[in-house]
Amino acid sequence: MFERRDPFNWKIPVMIIAGVVALTGGIYIGVKTNSADAQKVNAKEEIKKEQKVKEVFGLSKDCEIWVHTKNEDGSESDKNPMMVGTVDKSLVEMNEKEIREYLKNKYPEREVEKISKYEIVLSEIQTHKDASRSNKYALEADDDLIGLYKYDDDGNRELVEDTQIHINSLPKSVQEEIQKGVVVDSQEEAYSRLENFGS
């Protein structure tokens, strides 16, 4: 009636569990070792970067500083670049980051555009600020076209419209008037003047 059963063989499940534990432990150790190695490599790279930053840039003692002027809209200004001098002798022993910081402090209204061994180029924005034209409109030369500008409370200029009227197509007296800027009180008055120019 009762059958005799063989005792359960625990060897196989125990070996499978031991294998899984060993495999999991190996993977865990491998990942940790790989992470530690990656951290060491990252630390070495950071040290190399810091050393590069600390390296002297190598400016010439005769390095010139030039100022390049741009218009408010980012286009090239008609002004020629202007040399403002040569570098201070203390800059010769600095790295690029220190040179940029020095120039930023010395010329806060200008931005470093380019640094090379013999030349530093700074750029500045040419603003059209005229307090005498506050809250007025002006017809002014915008390349070879007439531009309609509005001046705010502080005298800052903003382009309202770039007309399609070429300055060269106008009589000389009107061209001279536009070059100086025709200031009017309202936008309607400005458009009225434009119609006169266009006809």
Protein backbone atom coordinates (compact mmCIF):
# COMPACT_ATOMS: atom_id res chain seq x y z
CA MET A 1 0.00 0.00 0.00
CA PHE A 2 2.67 2.45 0.80
CA GLU A 3 5.32 2.83 -1.73
CA ARG A 4 8.71 3.63 -0.74
CA ARG A 5 10.07 6.76 -2.23
CA ASP A 6 13.66 7.59 -2.76
CA PRO A 7 14.86 10.52 -0.70
CA PHE A 8 14.93 13.83 -2.56
CA ASN A 9 18.28 14.59 -4.07
CA TRP A 10 19.23 18.05 -2.79
CA LYS A 11 22.59 18.13 -4.45
CA ILE A 12 21.39 19.52 -7.79
CA PRO A 13 19.27 22.45 -6.44
CA VAL A 14 22.04 23.37 -3.99
CA MET A 15 24.60 23.42 -6.79
CA ILE A 16 22.32 25.57 -8.97
CA ILE A 17 21.75 28.06 -6.14
CA ALA A 18 25.49 28.13 -5.36
CA GLY A 19 26.25 28.76 -9.05
CA VAL A 20 23.72 31.61 -9.25
CA VAL A 21 25.14 33.22 -6.09
CA ALA A 22 28.70 32.90 -7.40
CA LEU A 23 27.74 34.29 -10.79
CA THR A 24 25.85 37.22 -9.22
CA GLY A 25 28.76 37.97 -6.90
CA GLY A 26 31.18 37.89 -9.83
CA ILE A 27 29.06 40.27 -11.85
CA TYR A 28 28.72 42.60 -8.85
CA ILE A 29 32.48 42.62 -8.25
CA GLY A 30 33.16 43.16 -11.96
CA VAL A 31 30.80 46.12 -12.15
CA LYS A 32 32.28 47.69 -9.00
CA THR A 33 35.82 47.23 -10.31
CA ASN A 34 34.86 48.70 -13.67
CA SER A 35 33.22 51.70 -11.93
CA ALA A 36 36.29 52.29 -9.81
CA ASP A 37 38.52 52.09 -12.90
CA ALA A 38 36.26 54.55 -14.75
CA GLN A 39 36.40 56.95 -11.80
CA LYS A 40 40.19 56.74 -11.77
CA VAL A 41 40.32 57.44 -15.52
CA ASN A 42 37.92 60.41 -15.09
CA ALA A 43 40.03 61.75 -12.23
CA LYS A 44 43.18 61.45 -14.38
CA GLU A 45 41.44 63.26 -17.25
CA GLU A 46 40.35 66.07 -14.90
CA ILE A 47 43.92 66.45 -13.67
CA LYS A 48 45.15 66.65 -17.28
CA LYS A 49 42.52 69.29 -18.09
CA GLU A 50 43.54 71.35 -15.07
CA GLN A 51 47.18 71.10 -16.10
CA LYS A 52 46.30 72.27 -19.62
CA VAL A 53 44.37 75.21 -18.17
CA LYS A 54 47.36 76.12 -16.04
CA GLU A 55 49.70 76.07 -19.05
CA VAL A 56 50.87 79.50 -20.22
CA PHE A 57 49.13 80.61 -23.44
CA GLY A 58 52.29 82.13 -24.89
CA LEU A 59 51.26 85.65 -25.85
CA SER A 60 53.95 87.69 -27.51
CA LYS A 61 55.10 90.70 -25.50
CA ASP A 62 54.23 92.75 -28.61
CA CYS A 63 50.72 91.28 -28.90
CA GLU A 64 48.27 93.96 -30.09
CA ILE A 65 44.74 94.51 -28.81
CA TRP A 66 42.20 95.50 -31.47
CA VAL A 67 38.56 96.52 -31.14
CA HIS A 68 36.10 95.41 -33.79
CA THR A 69 32.77 97.23 -33.84
CA LYS A 70 29.48 95.52 -34.70
CA ASN A 71 26.01 96.96 -35.11
CA GLU A 72 23.23 96.16 -32.63
CA ASP A 73 21.76 93.58 -35.03
CA GLY A 74 25.11 91.71 -35.21
CA SER A 75 26.03 92.92 -38.69
CA GLU A 76 29.43 94.38 -39.47
CA SER A 77 29.86 98.08 -38.70
CA ASP A 78 31.33 100.43 -41.28
CA LYS A 79 33.97 101.48 -38.73
CA ASN A 80 37.45 100.09 -39.25
CA PRO A 81 38.98 97.99 -36.45
CA MET A 82 40.89 100.18 -34.02
CA MET A 83 44.08 99.25 -32.16
CA VAL A 84 43.83 100.14 -28.47
CA GLY A 85 47.38 99.17 -27.56
CA THR A 86 49.57 96.22 -26.71
CA VAL A 87 49.07 93.70 -23.93
CA ASP A 88 50.14 94.33 -20.38
CA LYS A 89 53.37 92.46 -19.65
CA SER A 90 51.65 90.45 -16.90
CA LEU A 91 49.45 88.75 -19.55
CA VAL A 92 52.46 87.09 -21.16
CA GLU A 93 52.72 84.60 -18.28
CA MET A 94 48.97 83.82 -18.06
CA ASN A 95 46.92 80.97 -19.50
CA GLU A 96 43.99 81.61 -21.86
CA LYS A 97 41.36 81.48 -19.11
CA GLU A 98 43.24 84.05 -17.01
CA ILE A 99 43.76 86.29 -20.08
CA ARG A 100 40.02 86.22 -20.86
CA GLU A 101 39.17 87.05 -17.24
CA TYR A 102 41.66 89.95 -17.22
CA LEU A 103 40.24 91.37 -20.47
CA LYS A 104 36.68 90.95 -19.20
CA ASN A 105 37.55 93.02 -16.11
CA LYS A 106 39.56 95.65 -18.00
CA TYR A 107 37.07 96.04 -20.88
CA PRO A 108 33.67 95.16 -19.38
CA GLU A 109 31.71 96.66 -22.30
CA ARG A 110 33.64 94.54 -24.83
CA GLU A 111 33.69 90.82 -25.56
CA VAL A 112 36.76 88.74 -26.42
CA GLU A 113 36.29 87.62 -30.01
CA LYS A 114 39.68 86.02 -30.73
CA ILE A 115 43.01 85.42 -28.99
CA SER A 116 46.18 84.47 -30.82
CA LYS A 117 49.87 84.79 -30.00
CA TYR A 118 50.22 88.16 -31.74
CA GLU A 119 46.71 89.61 -31.67
CA ILE A 120 43.67 89.89 -29.40
CA VAL A 121 40.42 91.01 -31.01
CA LEU A 122 37.67 92.46 -28.83
CA SER A 123 34.22 93.24 -30.17
CA GLU A 124 31.87 95.95 -29.04
CA ILE A 125 28.30 96.72 -30.00
CA GLN A 126 27.73 100.09 -31.60
CA THR A 127 24.57 101.44 -30.02
CA HIS A 128 22.51 104.21 -31.46
CA LYS A 129 21.52 106.05 -28.32
CA ASP A 130 20.51 109.67 -28.63
CA ALA A 131 18.66 111.25 -25.70
CA SER A 132 17.71 114.26 -27.83
CA ARG A 133 15.54 111.94 -29.95
CA SER A 134 13.63 110.37 -27.04
CA ASN A 135 10.09 109.28 -27.98
CA LYS A 136 10.56 110.37 -31.59
CA TYR A 137 10.79 108.69 -34.97
CA ALA A 138 13.63 109.07 -37.44
CA LEU A 139 14.28 108.27 -41.08
CA GLU A 140 17.92 107.23 -41.32
CA ALA A 141 20.27 105.45 -43.69
CA ASP A 142 20.20 101.67 -43.31
CA ASP A 143 22.84 100.38 -45.74
CA ASP A 144 21.61 101.77 -49.06
CA LEU A 145 17.94 101.88 -48.01
CA ILE A 146 15.95 104.24 -45.79
CA GLY A 147 15.12 102.83 -42.36
CA LEU A 148 12.32 104.02 -40.08
CA TYR A 149 13.47 104.00 -36.46
CA LYS A 150 11.73 104.68 -33.16
CA TYR A 151 13.61 106.07 -30.17
CA ASP A 152 12.38 105.09 -26.68
CA ASP A 153 12.37 107.14 -23.45
CA ASP A 154 16.11 106.57 -22.94
CA GLY A 155 17.03 107.41 -26.53
CA ASN A 156 17.66 103.80 -27.60
CA ARG A 157 16.88 103.20 -31.25
CA GLU A 158 14.80 100.33 -32.62
CA LEU A 159 14.13 99.54 -36.28
CA VAL A 160 10.41 99.83 -37.10
CA GLU A 161 10.61 99.23 -40.82
CA ASP A 162 13.25 98.73 -43.45
CA THR A 163 11.76 100.54 -46.44
CA GLN A 164 12.46 99.57 -50.02
CA ILE A 165 13.41 103.13 -50.96
CA HIS A 166 17.03 103.26 -52.15
CA ILE A 167 18.94 106.31 -50.97
CA ASN A 168 20.84 106.51 -54.25
CA SER A 169 17.57 107.05 -56.14
CA LEU A 170 16.88 110.28 -54.24
CA PRO A 171 18.16 113.79 -55.00
CA LYS A 172 21.48 114.72 -53.37
CA SER A 173 19.87 117.18 -50.94
CA VAL A 174 17.48 114.48 -49.69
CA GLN A 175 20.35 111.95 -49.47
CA GLU A 176 22.28 114.35 -47.22
CA GLU A 177 19.17 114.93 -45.10
CA ILE A 178 18.67 111.14 -44.67
CA GLN A 179 22.35 110.63 -43.79
CA LYS A 180 21.94 113.13 -40.94
CA GLY A 181 18.58 111.63 -39.96
CA VAL A 182 15.13 113.17 -40.40
CA VAL A 183 13.53 113.37 -36.95
CA VAL A 184 9.73 113.60 -36.67
CA ASP A 185 7.27 113.43 -33.78
CA SER A 186 4.96 110.64 -34.95
CA GLN A 187 4.92 107.54 -37.08
CA GLU A 188 2.27 109.08 -39.36
CA GLU A 189 4.51 112.08 -40.01
CA ALA A 190 7.39 109.70 -40.81
CA TYR A 191 5.26 107.80 -43.35
CA SER A 192 4.16 111.09 -44.88
CA ARG A 193 7.82 112.08 -45.36
CA LEU A 194 8.54 108.65 -46.85
CA GLU A 195 5.75 109.11 -49.38
CA ASN A 196 7.28 112.44 -50.37
CA PHE A 197 10.69 110.77 -50.82
CA GLY A 198 9.23 107.88 -52.80
CA SER A 199 7.37 110.06 -55.31
